[in-house]
Amino acid sequence: MIGGFVGRAAALVASGVVGAVAYDGIKRLARSNALHGAAVAATSCALRGARVAETGAEKARLTTADIVSEARERIGEQTPAPGAAVPAHEH
């Protein structure tokens, strides 16, 4: 009975020591500029990616608008000015 108690107590102490060491390591890492620098680098990469995606989306939108405009011209419809209200389609 005492052996089991000592074994559990030793496991509990070992677990506490490992937790304390991990906590100290994380605390040191948080205080260092390495973590801050990595966060800034990751954010700048994400911003660059967002800019590239926005540029691609804008190019796709403009290309689609050009195609729709040309198709309307071919069937004899007048293309509305950008931002103008689209009139009802008449058959």
C-alpha atoms as a PDB file:
ATOM      1  CA  MET A   1       0.000   0.000   0.000  1.00  0.00           C
ATOM      2  CA  ILE A   2       2.779   2.416   0.852  1.00  0.00           C
ATOM      3  CA  GLY A   3       4.670   1.422  -2.295  1.00  0.00           C
ATOM      4  CA  GLY A   4       1.672   2.310  -4.464  1.00  0.00           C
ATOM      5  CA  PHE A   5       1.303   5.627  -2.674  1.00  0.00           C
ATOM      6  CA  VAL A   6       5.004   6.434  -3.160  1.00  0.00           C
ATOM      7  CA  GLY A   7       4.796   5.430  -6.819  1.00  0.00           C
ATOM      8  CA  ARG A   8       1.813   7.687  -7.450  1.00  0.00           C
ATOM      9  CA  ALA A   9       3.433  10.537  -5.551  1.00  0.00           C
ATOM     10  CA  ALA A  10       6.629  10.139  -7.596  1.00  0.00           C
ATOM     11  CA  ALA A  11       4.613  10.195 -10.841  1.00  0.00           C
ATOM     12  CA  LEU A  12       2.792  13.301  -9.660  1.00  0.00           C
ATOM     13  CA  VAL A  13       6.060  15.053  -8.787  1.00  0.00           C
ATOM     14  CA  ALA A  14       7.593  14.058 -12.128  1.00  0.00           C
ATOM     15  CA  SER A  15       4.539  15.372 -13.956  1.00  0.00           C
ATOM     16  CA  GLY A  16       4.775  18.657 -12.047  1.00  0.00           C
ATOM     17  CA  VAL A  17       8.470  19.029 -12.851  1.00  0.00           C
ATOM     18  CA  VAL A  18       7.855  18.399 -16.560  1.00  0.00           C
ATOM     19  CA  GLY A  19       5.016  20.925 -16.517  1.00  0.00           C
ATOM     20  CA  ALA A  20       7.158  23.522 -14.768  1.00  0.00           C
ATOM     21  CA  VAL A  21       9.998  23.058 -17.264  1.00  0.00           C
ATOM     22  CA  ALA A  22       7.578  23.354 -20.187  1.00  0.00           C
ATOM     23  CA  TYR A  23       6.025  26.473 -18.676  1.00  0.00           C
ATOM     24  CA  ASP A  24       9.439  28.093 -18.195  1.00  0.00           C
ATOM     25  CA  GLY A  25      10.396  27.254 -21.776  1.00  0.00           C
ATOM     26  CA  ILE A  26       7.233  28.790 -23.162  1.00  0.00           C
ATOM     27  CA  LYS A  27       7.691  31.844 -20.960  1.00  0.00           C
ATOM     28  CA  ARG A  28      11.243  32.346 -22.264  1.00  0.00           C
ATOM     29  CA  LEU A  29      10.092  31.899 -25.846  1.00  0.00           C
ATOM     30  CA  ALA A  30       7.292  34.428 -25.374  1.00  0.00           C
ATOM     31  CA  ARG A  31       9.730  36.994 -23.981  1.00  0.00           C
ATOM     32  CA  SER A  32      12.174  36.560 -26.839  1.00  0.00           C
ATOM     33  CA  ASN A  33      11.923  38.528 -30.061  1.00  0.00           C
ATOM     34  CA  ALA A  34      12.036  35.315 -32.080  1.00  0.00           C
ATOM     35  CA  LEU A  35       8.353  34.656 -31.522  1.00  0.00           C
ATOM     36  CA  HIS A  36       7.435  38.248 -32.349  1.00  0.00           C
ATOM     37  CA  GLY A  37       9.579  38.189 -35.487  1.00  0.00           C
ATOM     38  CA  ALA A  38       8.016  34.918 -36.622  1.00  0.00           C
ATOM     39  CA  ALA A  39       4.525  36.320 -36.083  1.00  0.00           C
ATOM     40  CA  VAL A  40       5.363  39.439 -38.101  1.00  0.00           C
ATOM     41  CA  ALA A  41       6.866  37.341 -40.910  1.00  0.00           C
ATOM     42  CA  ALA A  42       3.821  35.057 -41.038  1.00  0.00           C
ATOM     43  CA  THR A  43       1.456  38.025 -41.111  1.00  0.00           C
ATOM     44  CA  SER A  44       3.394  39.727 -43.904  1.00  0.00           C
ATOM     45  CA  CYS A  45       3.260  36.522 -45.980  1.00  0.00           C
ATOM     46  CA  ALA A  46      -0.486  36.301 -45.401  1.00  0.00           C
ATOM     47  CA  LEU A  47      -0.941  39.929 -46.472  1.00  0.00           C
ATOM     48  CA  ARG A  48       1.069  39.327 -49.647  1.00  0.00           C
ATOM     49  CA  GLY A  49      -1.078  36.292 -50.406  1.00  0.00           C
ATOM     50  CA  ALA A  50      -4.248  38.309 -49.884  1.00  0.00           C
ATOM     51  CA  ARG A  51      -2.992  41.002 -52.273  1.00  0.00           C
ATOM     52  CA  VAL A  52      -2.233  38.411 -54.944  1.00  0.00           C
ATOM     53  CA  ALA A  53      -5.691  36.877 -54.508  1.00  0.00           C
ATOM     54  CA  GLU A  54      -7.350  40.298 -54.754  1.00  0.00           C
ATOM     55  CA  THR A  55      -5.428  41.089 -57.934  1.00  0.00           C
ATOM     56  CA  GLY A  56      -6.432  37.769 -59.486  1.00  0.00           C
ATOM     57  CA  ALA A  57     -10.078  38.277 -58.557  1.00  0.00           C
ATOM     58  CA  GLU A  58     -10.088  41.779 -60.049  1.00  0.00           C
ATOM     59  CA  LYS A  59      -8.556  40.506 -63.312  1.00  0.00           C
ATOM     60  CA  ALA A  60     -11.172  37.752 -63.503  1.00  0.00           C
ATOM     61  CA  ARG A  61     -13.979  40.258 -62.870  1.00  0.00           C
ATOM     62  CA  LEU A  62     -12.724  42.608 -65.584  1.00  0.00           C
ATOM     63  CA  THR A  63     -12.292  39.769 -68.078  1.00  0.00           C
ATOM     64  CA  THR A  64     -15.810  38.531 -67.382  1.00  0.00           C
ATOM     65  CA  ALA A  65     -17.219  42.049 -67.797  1.00  0.00           C
ATOM     66  CA  ASP A  66     -15.449  42.396 -71.155  1.00  0.00           C
ATOM     67  CA  ILE A  67     -16.863  39.078 -72.376  1.00  0.00           C
ATOM     68  CA  VAL A  68     -20.413  39.965 -71.285  1.00  0.00           C
ATOM     69  CA  SER A  69     -20.122  43.394 -72.910  1.00  0.00           C
ATOM     70  CA  GLU A  70     -18.935  41.922 -76.200  1.00  0.00           C
ATOM     71  CA  ALA A  71     -21.691  39.302 -76.137  1.00  0.00           C
ATOM     72  CA  ARG A  72     -24.328  42.009 -75.607  1.00  0.00           C
ATOM     73  CA  GLU A  73     -22.937  43.991 -78.526  1.00  0.00           C
ATOM     74  CA  ARG A  74     -23.150  40.927 -80.773  1.00  0.00           C
ATOM     75  CA  ILE A  75     -26.847  40.451 -80.047  1.00  0.00           C
ATOM     76  CA  GLY A  76     -27.569  44.145 -80.438  1.00  0.00           C
ATOM     77  CA  GLU A  77     -28.054  45.194 -76.828  1.00  0.00           C
ATOM     78  CA  GLN A  78     -26.476  48.294 -75.454  1.00  0.00           C
ATOM     79  CA  THR A  79     -24.130  47.703 -72.548  1.00  0.00           C
ATOM     80  CA  PRO A  80     -25.052  49.791 -69.497  1.00  0.00           C
ATOM     81  CA  ALA A  81     -22.417  52.048 -67.997  1.00  0.00           C
ATOM     82  CA  PRO A  82     -20.669  50.629 -64.929  1.00  0.00           C
ATOM     83  CA  GLY A  83     -22.724  51.348 -61.830  1.00  0.00           C
ATOM     84  CA  ALA A  84     -25.852  52.261 -63.796  1.00  0.00           C
ATOM     85  CA  ALA A  85     -29.134  50.549 -63.079  1.00  0.00           C
ATOM     86  CA  VAL A  86     -29.751  47.649 -65.439  1.00  0.00           C
ATOM     87  CA  PRO A  87     -33.020  48.119 -67.367  1.00  0.00           C
ATOM     88  CA  ALA A  88     -35.566  45.289 -67.490  1.00  0.00           C
ATOM     89  CA  HIS A  89     -34.953  42.842 -70.289  1.00  0.00           C
ATOM     90  CA  GLU A  90     -37.633  42.931 -73.001  1.00  0.00           C
ATOM     91  CA  HIS A  91     -38.422  40.082 -75.383  1.00  0.00           C
END
